[in-house]
Amino acid sequence: MFVIALKFAGARERAGEFMEAHKDWIKKGFDDGVFLMVGNLQPGLGGALLAHGASREEVEKRVAEDPFVAEKIVTADILEITPGRWDERLAFLAG
């Protein structure tokens, strides 16, 4: 499982220019079954995603394809988590 933090960088003012492409990238991640959750980092720091069912290499490639990352609107921090204990509602993450 991966936690991906997309934090605003130097080109934040260009976010509106690439917002639709960024939303399309998010939709593709959900459509492909890789993204489990997307949300905002507070207060207005950027966004975060949970990803599952892909290798680190695949996640890194996918993140690099985000228009916000490619245009340096955000920086991406990818944290890989190997679950050790979980609530039964999240048991699917253990596989």
N, C-alpha and C. Protein backbone atom coordinates (compact mmCIF):
# COMPACT_ATOMS: atom_id res chain seq x y z
N MET A 1 0.85 -1.17 0.00
CA MET A 1 0.00 0.00 0.00
C MET A 1 0.89 1.22 0.00
N PHE A 2 0.42 2.27 -0.61
CA PHE A 2 1.19 3.50 -0.71
C PHE A 2 0.35 4.70 -0.27
N VAL A 3 1.00 5.60 0.43
CA VAL A 3 0.44 6.91 0.74
C VAL A 3 1.24 7.89 -0.09
N ILE A 4 0.56 8.68 -0.88
CA ILE A 4 1.23 9.63 -1.76
C ILE A 4 0.81 11.03 -1.34
N ALA A 5 1.78 11.84 -0.95
CA ALA A 5 1.52 13.23 -0.60
C ALA A 5 1.96 14.11 -1.76
N LEU A 6 1.06 14.91 -2.26
CA LEU A 6 1.35 15.85 -3.34
C LEU A 6 1.30 17.25 -2.73
N LYS A 7 2.46 17.80 -2.45
CA LYS A 7 2.53 19.10 -1.76
C LYS A 7 2.85 20.20 -2.75
N PHE A 8 2.10 21.30 -2.62
CA PHE A 8 2.32 22.42 -3.53
C PHE A 8 3.77 22.88 -3.48
N ALA A 9 4.28 23.20 -4.67
CA ALA A 9 5.67 23.65 -4.83
C ALA A 9 5.65 25.06 -5.43
N GLY A 10 6.71 25.40 -6.10
CA GLY A 10 6.90 26.75 -6.62
C GLY A 10 5.90 27.23 -7.65
N ALA A 11 5.29 26.32 -8.41
CA ALA A 11 4.40 26.74 -9.51
C ALA A 11 2.92 26.61 -9.13
N ARG A 12 2.61 26.76 -7.87
CA ARG A 12 1.22 26.61 -7.39
C ARG A 12 0.23 27.47 -8.16
N GLU A 13 0.65 28.66 -8.55
CA GLU A 13 -0.25 29.58 -9.24
C GLU A 13 -0.71 29.03 -10.60
N ARG A 14 -0.06 27.98 -11.10
CA ARG A 14 -0.43 27.39 -12.39
C ARG A 14 -1.41 26.21 -12.23
N ALA A 15 -1.83 25.92 -11.00
CA ALA A 15 -2.67 24.75 -10.74
C ALA A 15 -3.96 24.80 -11.56
N GLY A 16 -4.61 25.95 -11.66
CA GLY A 16 -5.86 26.06 -12.41
C GLY A 16 -5.71 25.67 -13.86
N GLU A 17 -4.57 25.96 -14.41
CA GLU A 17 -4.26 25.66 -15.81
C GLU A 17 -4.27 24.15 -16.08
N PHE A 18 -3.93 23.35 -15.08
CA PHE A 18 -3.79 21.91 -15.26
C PHE A 18 -4.79 21.11 -14.43
N MET A 19 -5.76 21.78 -13.82
CA MET A 19 -6.69 21.11 -12.91
C MET A 19 -7.50 20.01 -13.60
N GLU A 20 -8.04 20.27 -14.78
CA GLU A 20 -8.85 19.25 -15.47
C GLU A 20 -8.00 18.03 -15.82
N ALA A 21 -6.78 18.25 -16.28
CA ALA A 21 -5.89 17.12 -16.61
C ALA A 21 -5.54 16.34 -15.33
N HIS A 22 -5.34 17.06 -14.23
CA HIS A 22 -5.05 16.41 -12.94
C HIS A 22 -6.25 15.57 -12.50
N LYS A 23 -7.47 16.09 -12.64
CA LYS A 23 -8.68 15.34 -12.29
C LYS A 23 -8.84 14.11 -13.17
N ASP A 24 -8.50 14.24 -14.45
CA ASP A 24 -8.54 13.08 -15.37
C ASP A 24 -7.55 12.02 -14.92
N TRP A 25 -6.36 12.45 -14.48
CA TRP A 25 -5.34 11.52 -13.98
C TRP A 25 -5.87 10.78 -12.74
N ILE A 26 -6.51 11.50 -11.83
CA ILE A 26 -7.09 10.88 -10.64
C ILE A 26 -8.17 9.86 -11.05
N LYS A 27 -9.06 10.26 -11.96
CA LYS A 27 -10.12 9.36 -12.42
C LYS A 27 -9.54 8.08 -12.99
N LYS A 28 -8.47 8.20 -13.77
CA LYS A 28 -7.83 7.01 -14.36
C LYS A 28 -7.30 6.10 -13.26
N GLY A 29 -6.72 6.67 -12.21
CA GLY A 29 -6.22 5.87 -11.10
C GLY A 29 -7.33 5.07 -10.42
N PHE A 30 -8.50 5.70 -10.26
CA PHE A 30 -9.65 4.99 -9.70
C PHE A 30 -10.19 3.95 -10.69
N ASP A 31 -10.31 4.35 -11.96
CA ASP A 31 -10.80 3.42 -12.98
C ASP A 31 -9.92 2.19 -13.10
N ASP A 32 -8.61 2.37 -12.93
CA ASP A 32 -7.67 1.25 -13.02
C ASP A 32 -7.63 0.42 -11.74
N GLY A 33 -8.34 0.85 -10.71
CA GLY A 33 -8.39 0.11 -9.45
C GLY A 33 -7.17 0.29 -8.57
N VAL A 34 -6.36 1.32 -8.83
CA VAL A 34 -5.14 1.55 -8.05
C VAL A 34 -5.39 2.53 -6.91
N PHE A 35 -6.15 3.59 -7.15
CA PHE A 35 -6.41 4.58 -6.11
C PHE A 35 -7.60 4.14 -5.26
N LEU A 36 -7.44 4.23 -3.95
CA LEU A 36 -8.50 3.89 -3.01
C LEU A 36 -9.14 5.12 -2.41
N MET A 37 -8.39 6.23 -2.33
CA MET A 37 -8.87 7.45 -1.69
C MET A 37 -8.03 8.61 -2.19
N VAL A 38 -8.67 9.75 -2.31
CA VAL A 38 -7.97 10.99 -2.61
C VAL A 38 -8.58 12.07 -1.73
N GLY A 39 -7.76 13.00 -1.27
CA GLY A 39 -8.26 14.07 -0.43
C GLY A 39 -7.29 15.22 -0.36
N ASN A 40 -7.69 16.27 0.35
CA ASN A 40 -6.86 17.47 0.48
C ASN A 40 -6.01 17.41 1.73
N LEU A 41 -4.78 17.90 1.62
CA LEU A 41 -3.91 18.09 2.78
C LEU A 41 -4.24 19.46 3.36
N GLN A 42 -4.53 19.51 4.61
CA GLN A 42 -4.93 20.76 5.26
C GLN A 42 -3.75 21.42 5.97
N PRO A 43 -3.72 22.71 6.03
CA PRO A 43 -4.65 23.67 5.42
C PRO A 43 -4.15 24.11 4.05
N GLY A 44 -4.74 23.60 3.01
CA GLY A 44 -4.40 24.00 1.65
C GLY A 44 -2.98 23.69 1.21
N LEU A 45 -2.45 22.57 1.71
CA LEU A 45 -1.06 22.22 1.41
C LEU A 45 -0.89 21.41 0.14
N GLY A 46 -1.99 20.83 -0.36
CA GLY A 46 -1.92 19.98 -1.54
C GLY A 46 -2.91 18.85 -1.42
N GLY A 47 -2.52 17.66 -1.85
CA GLY A 47 -3.43 16.52 -1.80
C GLY A 47 -2.71 15.26 -1.37
N ALA A 48 -3.50 14.22 -1.11
CA ALA A 48 -2.95 12.92 -0.73
C ALA A 48 -3.81 11.83 -1.34
N LEU A 49 -3.16 10.70 -1.62
CA LEU A 49 -3.84 9.55 -2.19
C LEU A 49 -3.41 8.29 -1.47
N LEU A 50 -4.30 7.31 -1.45
CA LEU A 50 -3.95 5.95 -1.05
C LEU A 50 -3.98 5.11 -2.31
N ALA A 51 -2.94 4.32 -2.52
CA ALA A 51 -2.84 3.46 -3.69
C ALA A 51 -2.56 2.04 -3.23
N HIS A 52 -3.08 1.08 -4.00
CA HIS A 52 -2.94 -0.33 -3.64
C HIS A 52 -3.02 -1.17 -4.91
N GLY A 53 -2.38 -2.32 -4.86
CA GLY A 53 -2.50 -3.25 -5.99
C GLY A 53 -1.56 -2.95 -7.13
N ALA A 54 -0.49 -2.23 -6.86
CA ALA A 54 0.52 -1.91 -7.88
C ALA A 54 1.89 -1.96 -7.22
N SER A 55 2.90 -2.21 -8.01
CA SER A 55 4.27 -2.21 -7.49
C SER A 55 4.75 -0.79 -7.26
N ARG A 56 5.81 -0.64 -6.52
CA ARG A 56 6.38 0.70 -6.30
C ARG A 56 6.74 1.33 -7.64
N GLU A 57 7.35 0.55 -8.52
CA GLU A 57 7.73 1.07 -9.85
C GLU A 57 6.50 1.58 -10.60
N GLU A 58 5.40 0.82 -10.55
CA GLU A 58 4.17 1.24 -11.23
C GLU A 58 3.60 2.51 -10.61
N VAL A 59 3.65 2.60 -9.29
CA VAL A 59 3.14 3.80 -8.61
C VAL A 59 4.00 5.00 -8.95
N GLU A 60 5.32 4.83 -8.94
CA GLU A 60 6.21 5.94 -9.29
C GLU A 60 5.95 6.42 -10.71
N LYS A 61 5.75 5.48 -11.64
CA LYS A 61 5.48 5.85 -13.03
C LYS A 61 4.15 6.60 -13.12
N ARG A 62 3.14 6.10 -12.43
CA ARG A 62 1.82 6.73 -12.45
C ARG A 62 1.90 8.15 -11.87
N VAL A 63 2.59 8.31 -10.75
CA VAL A 63 2.72 9.63 -10.12
C VAL A 63 3.45 10.60 -11.07
N ALA A 64 4.48 10.12 -11.74
CA ALA A 64 5.22 10.97 -12.67
C ALA A 64 4.34 11.46 -13.82
N GLU A 65 3.27 10.72 -14.12
CA GLU A 65 2.36 11.09 -15.20
C GLU A 65 1.31 12.12 -14.78
N ASP A 66 1.22 12.40 -13.48
CA ASP A 66 0.28 13.43 -13.01
C ASP A 66 0.74 14.78 -13.57
N PRO A 67 -0.13 15.50 -14.27
CA PRO A 67 0.26 16.80 -14.82
C PRO A 67 0.78 17.77 -13.75
N PHE A 68 0.24 17.70 -12.54
CA PHE A 68 0.73 18.56 -11.46
C PHE A 68 2.18 18.25 -11.12
N VAL A 69 2.55 16.98 -11.15
CA VAL A 69 3.94 16.58 -10.88
C VAL A 69 4.83 16.97 -12.06
N ALA A 70 4.38 16.64 -13.26
CA ALA A 70 5.17 16.92 -14.46
C ALA A 70 5.45 18.41 -14.63
N GLU A 71 4.49 19.25 -14.24
CA GLU A 71 4.64 20.70 -14.38
C GLU A 71 5.22 21.37 -13.13
N LYS A 72 5.63 20.54 -12.16
CA LYS A 72 6.25 21.03 -10.92
C LYS A 72 5.33 21.94 -10.10
N ILE A 73 4.03 21.66 -10.20
CA ILE A 73 3.06 22.37 -9.38
C ILE A 73 3.07 21.78 -7.97
N VAL A 74 3.31 20.46 -7.90
CA VAL A 74 3.46 19.77 -6.63
C VAL A 74 4.73 18.93 -6.65
N THR A 75 5.20 18.62 -5.46
CA THR A 75 6.23 17.59 -5.31
C THR A 75 5.53 16.37 -4.74
N ALA A 76 6.02 15.20 -5.10
CA ALA A 76 5.39 13.96 -4.66
C ALA A 76 6.29 13.23 -3.68
N ASP A 77 5.70 12.80 -2.58
CA ASP A 77 6.38 11.97 -1.61
C ASP A 77 5.60 10.66 -1.54
N ILE A 78 6.23 9.56 -1.92
CA ILE A 78 5.58 8.26 -1.96
C ILE A 78 6.09 7.43 -0.79
N LEU A 79 5.16 7.07 0.10
CA LEU A 79 5.50 6.25 1.26
C LEU A 79 4.90 4.87 1.06
N GLU A 80 5.74 3.85 1.14
CA GLU A 80 5.26 2.48 1.00
C GLU A 80 5.04 1.89 2.39
N ILE A 81 3.88 1.32 2.60
CA ILE A 81 3.53 0.76 3.90
C ILE A 81 3.27 -0.74 3.74
N THR A 82 3.92 -1.53 4.56
CA THR A 82 3.63 -2.96 4.64
C THR A 82 2.78 -3.16 5.88
N PRO A 83 1.48 -3.38 5.70
CA PRO A 83 0.61 -3.51 6.87
C PRO A 83 1.03 -4.66 7.77
N GLY A 84 1.06 -4.39 9.08
CA GLY A 84 1.40 -5.40 10.05
C GLY A 84 0.19 -5.79 10.90
N ARG A 85 -0.73 -4.85 11.05
CA ARG A 85 -1.96 -5.08 11.81
C ARG A 85 -3.02 -4.16 11.22
N TRP A 86 -4.25 -4.64 11.16
CA TRP A 86 -5.29 -3.84 10.54
C TRP A 86 -6.65 -4.23 11.10
N ASP A 87 -7.57 -3.33 11.00
CA ASP A 87 -8.97 -3.59 11.30
C ASP A 87 -9.48 -4.53 10.21
N GLU A 88 -10.38 -5.43 10.54
CA GLU A 88 -10.86 -6.41 9.57
C GLU A 88 -11.48 -5.76 8.33
N ARG A 89 -11.96 -4.52 8.46
CA ARG A 89 -12.53 -3.83 7.28
C ARG A 89 -11.45 -3.54 6.24
N LEU A 90 -10.18 -3.56 6.65
CA LEU A 90 -9.08 -3.29 5.73
C LEU A 90 -8.28 -4.55 5.40
N ALA A 91 -8.81 -5.72 5.68
CA ALA A 91 -8.09 -6.97 5.45
C ALA A 91 -7.64 -7.12 4.01
N PHE A 92 -8.35 -6.54 3.07
CA PHE A 92 -7.96 -6.65 1.66
C PHE A 92 -6.59 -6.04 1.39
N LEU A 93 -6.11 -5.16 2.27
CA LEU A 93 -4.80 -4.53 2.09
C LEU A 93 -3.66 -5.48 2.42
N ALA A 94 -3.93 -6.56 3.10
CA ALA A 94 -2.88 -7.48 3.52
C ALA A 94 -2.36 -8.33 2.37
N GLY A 95 -3.13 -8.47 1.32
CA GLY A 95 -2.76 -9.36 0.22
C GLY A 95 -1.78 -8.79 -0.75
